[in-house]
């Protein structure tokens, strides 16, 4: 989902803090994984994290992903300390009781965006719909930049209107994002019909599959992916290691020429300000 926001930071890190989740959506990339079901969730080593960030002399935005980031034992404490200097964002199913603490202890201006993943069927199954609604409305009331994002899975087609009405009556507008995967032998998002896209409210030109091979990218220059073990790689497609969040970050001096045939989230499209910043700093053109 493309997010519009002001860039008040020098670099961005996407942090998959855990593969674990309190829900089990059948279309999840981590569904049925061993890592998701077993193993202790490690807390964030806050002192080492801050030391590593400080060594770069940069202001960061750290986007907490998962699994479910609020399962990390000291996630709230880490965010309170991080946001004294840096910015954060979340991709969360918004069902944790810890969400309330975030709204009480962190300035909304320091949380760029909250993607409140609305997995309707799983929320119903886990009896968590009301928890989600309460947390969403609390965040909204407190002034956080938040959206309810539901995966446009084909199974929901006949119930889209019903769910839109249900949540609208509770002051929540649902936004749908394309399902990526296979269902009934069909590959998505390629198999959506125009009628189906209209039902979900998705524009066809918003689900383009990008081919970035040979093009410039700021992955590894002022952005990176943090894995659950703390290692930092260039991006999800290119696994070049550029550091560890508890030791050091070695950003590249120049833009990267992408070697990937497929890119689901080209940074030049999804974070244009950081890409333009990289072009300016390296004195290169797109």
Protein backbone atom coordinates (compact mmCIF):
# COMPACT_ATOMS: atom_id res chain seq x y z
CA UNK A 1 0.00 0.00 0.00
CA UNK A 2 1.52 3.32 -1.05
CA UNK A 3 1.72 5.83 1.76
CA UNK A 4 1.95 9.59 1.33
CA UNK A 5 3.85 11.26 4.12
CA UNK A 6 6.38 14.02 4.75
CA UNK A 7 9.95 12.76 4.92
CA UNK A 8 11.51 14.11 8.09
CA UNK A 9 14.22 11.49 8.27
CA UNK A 10 17.45 10.58 6.48
CA UNK A 11 17.01 6.82 6.17
CA UNK A 12 14.37 4.12 6.53
CA UNK A 13 14.56 0.60 7.93
CA UNK A 14 11.84 -2.04 7.59
CA UNK A 15 12.14 -4.24 10.68
CA UNK A 16 10.62 -7.73 10.72
CA UNK A 17 10.91 -7.97 14.48
CA UNK A 18 9.28 -11.41 14.63
CA UNK A 19 7.69 -14.03 12.38
CA UNK A 20 5.23 -14.92 15.12
CA UNK A 21 1.60 -13.80 15.11
CA UNK A 22 -1.45 -14.22 17.31
CA UNK A 23 -3.56 -14.92 14.23
CA UNK A 24 -3.23 -17.45 11.41
CA UNK A 25 -4.49 -15.96 8.14
CA UNK A 26 -4.46 -18.63 5.43
CA UNK A 27 -3.03 -16.23 2.83
CA UNK A 28 -0.16 -15.00 5.02
CA UNK A 29 3.37 -15.47 3.63
CA UNK A 30 4.37 -16.87 7.02
CA UNK A 31 1.36 -19.17 7.36
CA UNK A 32 2.19 -22.58 8.84
CA UNK A 33 5.89 -21.73 9.19
CA UNK A 34 7.84 -23.34 12.03
CA UNK A 35 9.23 -19.94 13.05
CA UNK A 36 5.70 -18.61 13.39
CA UNK A 37 4.51 -21.32 15.75
CA UNK A 38 7.51 -22.05 17.94
CA UNK A 39 10.39 -20.35 19.69
CA UNK A 40 10.67 -17.56 22.22
CA UNK A 41 10.21 -14.02 20.97
CA UNK A 42 13.34 -12.08 21.79
CA UNK A 43 13.02 -8.58 23.26
CA UNK A 44 14.70 -5.66 21.52
CA UNK A 45 18.14 -4.81 22.90
CA UNK A 46 17.35 -1.12 23.24
CA UNK A 47 20.77 0.14 24.35
CA UNK A 48 22.58 -1.58 21.47
CA UNK A 49 19.89 -0.44 19.02
CA UNK A 50 20.26 3.22 19.98
CA UNK A 51 24.07 2.96 19.94
CA UNK A 52 23.99 1.56 16.40
CA UNK A 53 21.65 4.27 15.12
CA UNK A 54 23.65 7.04 16.79
CA UNK A 55 26.86 5.93 15.06
CA UNK A 56 25.33 6.74 11.66
CA UNK A 57 24.52 10.38 12.54
CA UNK A 58 21.19 9.93 10.73
CA UNK A 59 17.56 10.40 11.66
CA UNK A 60 15.65 7.18 10.92
CA UNK A 61 12.15 6.02 10.29
CA UNK A 62 11.78 2.45 11.48
CA UNK A 63 8.74 0.56 10.22
CA UNK A 64 7.86 -2.30 12.56
CA UNK A 65 6.57 -5.36 10.71
CA UNK A 66 6.02 -9.03 11.46
CA UNK A 67 4.38 -11.37 12.12
CA UNK A 68 2.81 -9.14 14.71
CA UNK A 69 5.25 -6.55 16.11
CA UNK A 70 3.26 -6.00 19.30
CA UNK A 71 4.15 -9.54 20.40
CA UNK A 72 7.70 -8.36 21.08
CA UNK A 73 7.87 -8.07 24.91
CA UNK A 74 9.39 -4.57 25.15
CA UNK A 75 8.11 -3.05 21.90
CA UNK A 76 6.44 -0.10 23.67
CA UNK A 77 9.53 0.74 25.74
CA UNK A 78 11.71 0.57 22.61
CA UNK A 79 9.36 2.88 20.70
CA UNK A 80 9.24 5.43 23.52
CA UNK A 81 13.03 5.71 23.49
CA UNK A 82 13.32 5.61 19.69
CA UNK A 83 10.83 8.42 19.16
CA UNK A 84 12.83 10.84 21.28
CA UNK A 85 14.96 11.31 18.16
CA UNK A 86 13.62 9.11 15.37
CA UNK A 87 10.30 8.24 13.72
CA UNK A 88 8.45 4.95 13.58
CA UNK A 89 5.51 3.31 11.83
CA UNK A 90 3.63 0.05 12.28
CA UNK A 91 2.05 -2.70 10.26
CA UNK A 92 -0.10 -4.42 12.87
CA UNK A 93 -3.34 -6.33 13.26
CA UNK A 94 -4.11 -3.84 16.06
CA UNK A 95 -5.40 -6.44 18.51
CA UNK A 96 -2.80 -6.02 21.26
CA UNK A 97 -3.62 -4.36 24.57
CA UNK A 98 -0.22 -2.64 24.18
CA UNK A 99 -1.69 -0.36 21.51
CA UNK A 100 -3.29 1.77 24.22
CA UNK A 101 0.12 2.38 25.82
CA UNK A 102 1.47 3.65 22.51
CA UNK A 103 -1.35 6.20 22.24
CA UNK A 104 -0.74 7.37 25.80
CA UNK A 105 3.04 7.66 25.72
CA UNK A 106 4.10 8.64 22.19
CA UNK A 107 3.47 11.86 20.31
CA UNK A 108 1.42 11.11 17.15
CA UNK A 109 3.83 13.32 15.17
CA UNK A 110 6.55 10.72 15.78
CA UNK A 111 4.53 7.85 14.31
CA UNK A 112 4.42 8.40 10.57
CA UNK A 113 1.74 5.87 9.82
CA UNK A 114 -0.13 2.89 11.24
CA UNK A 115 -1.24 0.25 8.78
CA UNK A 116 -4.02 -1.43 10.73
CA UNK A 117 -4.24 -4.76 8.95
CA UNK A 118 -7.89 -5.73 8.95
CA UNK A 119 -8.03 -9.50 8.50
CA UNK A 120 -11.80 -9.69 8.92
CA UNK A 121 -12.37 -13.43 8.78
CA UNK A 122 -9.51 -14.20 11.16
CA UNK A 123 -10.61 -11.45 13.55
CA UNK A 124 -14.08 -12.98 13.60
CA UNK A 125 -12.64 -16.44 14.17
CA UNK A 126 -10.49 -15.19 17.08
CA UNK A 127 -13.30 -13.02 18.50
CA UNK A 128 -11.13 -9.91 18.14
CA UNK A 129 -13.30 -7.65 15.99
CA UNK A 130 -14.31 -5.41 18.90
CA UNK A 131 -10.73 -5.17 20.16
CA UNK A 132 -9.62 -4.05 16.69
CA UNK A 133 -12.40 -1.46 16.46
CA UNK A 134 -11.71 -0.06 19.93
CA UNK A 135 -7.99 0.27 19.26
CA UNK A 136 -8.55 1.81 15.84
CA UNK A 137 -10.94 4.45 17.14
CA UNK A 138 -8.60 5.21 20.03
CA UNK A 139 -5.69 5.81 17.64
CA UNK A 140 -7.91 7.94 15.42
CA UNK A 141 -9.14 9.99 18.40
CA UNK A 142 -5.57 10.59 19.57
CA UNK A 143 -4.59 11.97 16.17
CA UNK A 144 -2.55 9.10 14.72
CA UNK A 145 -2.30 8.68 10.95
CA UNK A 146 -4.04 5.32 10.58
CA UNK A 147 -5.88 3.31 7.91
CA UNK A 148 -7.80 0.04 8.00
CA UNK A 149 -6.31 -2.12 5.25
CA UNK A 150 -7.95 -5.39 4.20
CA UNK A 151 -6.53 -7.92 1.76
CA UNK A 152 -8.79 -8.18 -1.28
CA UNK A 153 -9.02 -11.95 -1.17
CA UNK A 154 -11.47 -13.51 -3.65
CA UNK A 155 -13.28 -15.21 -0.75
CA UNK A 156 -14.53 -11.78 0.38
CA UNK A 157 -16.07 -10.76 -2.94
CA UNK A 158 -19.68 -11.47 -1.97
CA UNK A 159 -19.35 -9.75 1.40
CA UNK A 160 -17.48 -6.55 0.56
CA UNK A 161 -20.56 -4.32 0.73
CA UNK A 162 -21.64 -5.88 4.04
CA UNK A 163 -18.28 -5.32 5.69
CA UNK A 164 -17.87 -1.82 4.30
CA UNK A 165 -21.23 -0.90 5.83
CA UNK A 166 -20.46 -2.62 9.14
CA UNK A 167 -17.21 -0.71 9.64
CA UNK A 168 -18.53 2.55 8.18
CA UNK A 169 -21.24 2.54 10.83
CA UNK A 170 -18.40 2.40 13.37
CA UNK A 171 -16.55 5.32 11.75
CA UNK A 172 -13.95 3.15 10.01
CA UNK A 173 -13.41 3.27 6.25
CA UNK A 174 -11.94 0.09 4.79
CA UNK A 175 -9.27 0.26 2.08
CA UNK A 176 -8.48 -2.87 0.08
CA UNK A 177 -5.05 -3.91 -1.13
CA UNK A 178 -4.47 -6.54 -3.81
CA UNK A 179 -4.08 -10.17 -2.81
CA UNK A 180 -0.78 -11.68 -3.99
CA UNK A 181 -0.84 -15.44 -4.26
CA UNK A 182 -2.85 -18.35 -5.66
CA UNK A 183 -6.51 -19.19 -5.12
CA UNK A 184 -8.57 -21.86 -6.91
CA UNK A 185 -5.74 -22.44 -9.36
CA UNK A 186 -5.56 -18.76 -10.31
CA UNK A 187 -2.62 -16.44 -9.75
CA UNK A 188 -3.33 -13.04 -8.22
CA UNK A 189 -3.31 -10.11 -8.72
CA UNK A 190 -3.19 -11.01 -12.43
CA UNK A 191 -6.51 -12.91 -12.30
CA UNK A 192 -8.71 -10.13 -10.97
CA UNK A 193 -11.49 -9.17 -13.38
CA UNK A 194 -12.38 -5.52 -13.85
CA UNK A 195 -15.68 -6.19 -12.10
CA UNK A 196 -13.89 -7.68 -9.08
CA UNK A 197 -11.48 -4.77 -8.88
CA UNK A 198 -14.42 -2.36 -8.96
CA UNK A 199 -16.11 -4.22 -6.10
CA UNK A 200 -12.96 -3.92 -3.99
CA UNK A 201 -12.36 -0.35 -5.08
CA UNK A 202 -8.91 -1.08 -6.49
CA UNK A 203 -7.64 0.65 -9.61
CA UNK A 204 -5.95 -1.70 -12.05
CA UNK A 205 -3.02 0.66 -12.61
CA UNK A 206 -2.26 0.55 -8.87
CA UNK A 207 -1.29 -3.13 -8.86
CA UNK A 208 1.44 -3.08 -11.48
CA UNK A 209 4.15 -5.72 -11.13
CA UNK A 210 7.43 -3.82 -11.40
CA UNK A 211 10.51 -4.93 -13.30
CA UNK A 212 13.38 -2.95 -11.81
CA UNK A 213 16.30 -4.81 -13.37
CA UNK A 214 18.96 -2.37 -14.53
CA UNK A 215 17.35 0.61 -12.78
CA UNK A 216 18.77 2.70 -9.96
CA UNK A 217 17.55 2.11 -6.43
CA UNK A 218 18.37 3.53 -3.01
CA UNK A 219 18.09 0.14 -1.30
CA UNK A 220 21.27 -0.17 0.72
CA UNK A 221 22.04 3.54 0.35
CA UNK A 222 19.52 5.06 2.76
CA UNK A 223 17.17 2.13 3.32
CA UNK A 224 17.32 -1.49 4.37
CA UNK A 225 15.52 -4.52 5.74
CA UNK A 226 16.12 -5.77 9.28
CA UNK A 227 15.55 -9.50 9.73
CA UNK A 228 14.31 -11.06 13.00
CA UNK A 229 17.92 -12.05 13.84
CA UNK A 230 19.02 -8.41 13.61
CA UNK A 231 20.92 -8.68 10.33
CA UNK A 232 20.29 -5.85 7.87
CA UNK A 233 20.04 -6.60 4.15
CA UNK A 234 19.63 -4.35 1.14
CA UNK A 235 16.03 -5.36 0.33
CA UNK A 236 13.68 -8.33 0.22
CA UNK A 237 14.86 -9.33 -3.25
CA UNK A 238 18.60 -8.71 -2.84
CA UNK A 239 20.04 -10.25 0.33
CA UNK A 240 23.34 -8.34 0.44
CA UNK A 241 24.17 -7.81 4.11
CA UNK A 242 24.87 -4.20 5.12
CA UNK A 243 25.09 -4.62 8.87
CA UNK A 244 23.36 -5.67 12.06
CA UNK A 245 21.00 -3.48 14.05
CA UNK A 246 22.92 -4.25 17.26
CA UNK A 247 26.40 -3.66 15.84
CA UNK A 248 26.69 -1.35 12.85
CA UNK A 249 25.07 -0.21 9.61
CA UNK A 250 27.29 0.20 6.55
CA UNK A 251 25.25 2.07 3.98
CA UNK A 252 26.56 2.15 0.42
CA UNK A 253 28.13 5.32 -0.99
CA UNK A 254 26.31 5.05 -4.30
CA UNK A 255 22.93 3.97 -5.63
CA UNK A 256 22.39 0.32 -6.43
CA UNK A 257 21.63 -0.96 -9.93
CA UNK A 258 18.87 -3.50 -9.38
CA UNK A 259 19.44 -7.05 -10.61
CA UNK A 260 15.97 -8.35 -9.73
CA UNK A 261 13.45 -9.27 -12.43
CA UNK A 262 10.58 -8.67 -10.01
CA UNK A 263 10.16 -5.96 -7.41
CA UNK A 264 6.92 -5.63 -5.50
CA UNK A 265 7.86 -2.35 -3.83
CA UNK A 266 10.38 -0.27 -5.77
CA UNK A 267 11.60 2.43 -3.41
CA UNK A 268 11.66 5.04 -6.15
CA UNK A 269 7.88 4.62 -6.28
CA UNK A 270 6.94 3.91 -2.67
CA UNK A 271 9.26 6.37 -0.97
CA UNK A 272 9.95 8.97 -3.64
CA UNK A 273 11.41 11.60 -1.27
CA UNK A 274 14.15 9.25 -0.02
CA UNK A 275 14.96 8.19 -3.58
CA UNK A 276 15.16 11.84 -4.71
CA UNK A 277 17.32 12.61 -1.68
CA UNK A 278 19.69 9.82 -2.70
CA UNK A 279 19.88 11.14 -6.28
CA UNK A 280 20.71 14.62 -5.01
CA UNK A 281 23.36 13.43 -2.57
CA UNK A 282 25.08 11.21 -5.13
CA UNK A 283 24.71 13.85 -7.86
CA UNK A 284 23.15 11.37 -10.27
CA UNK A 285 20.01 11.31 -12.40
CA UNK A 286 17.24 8.73 -12.45
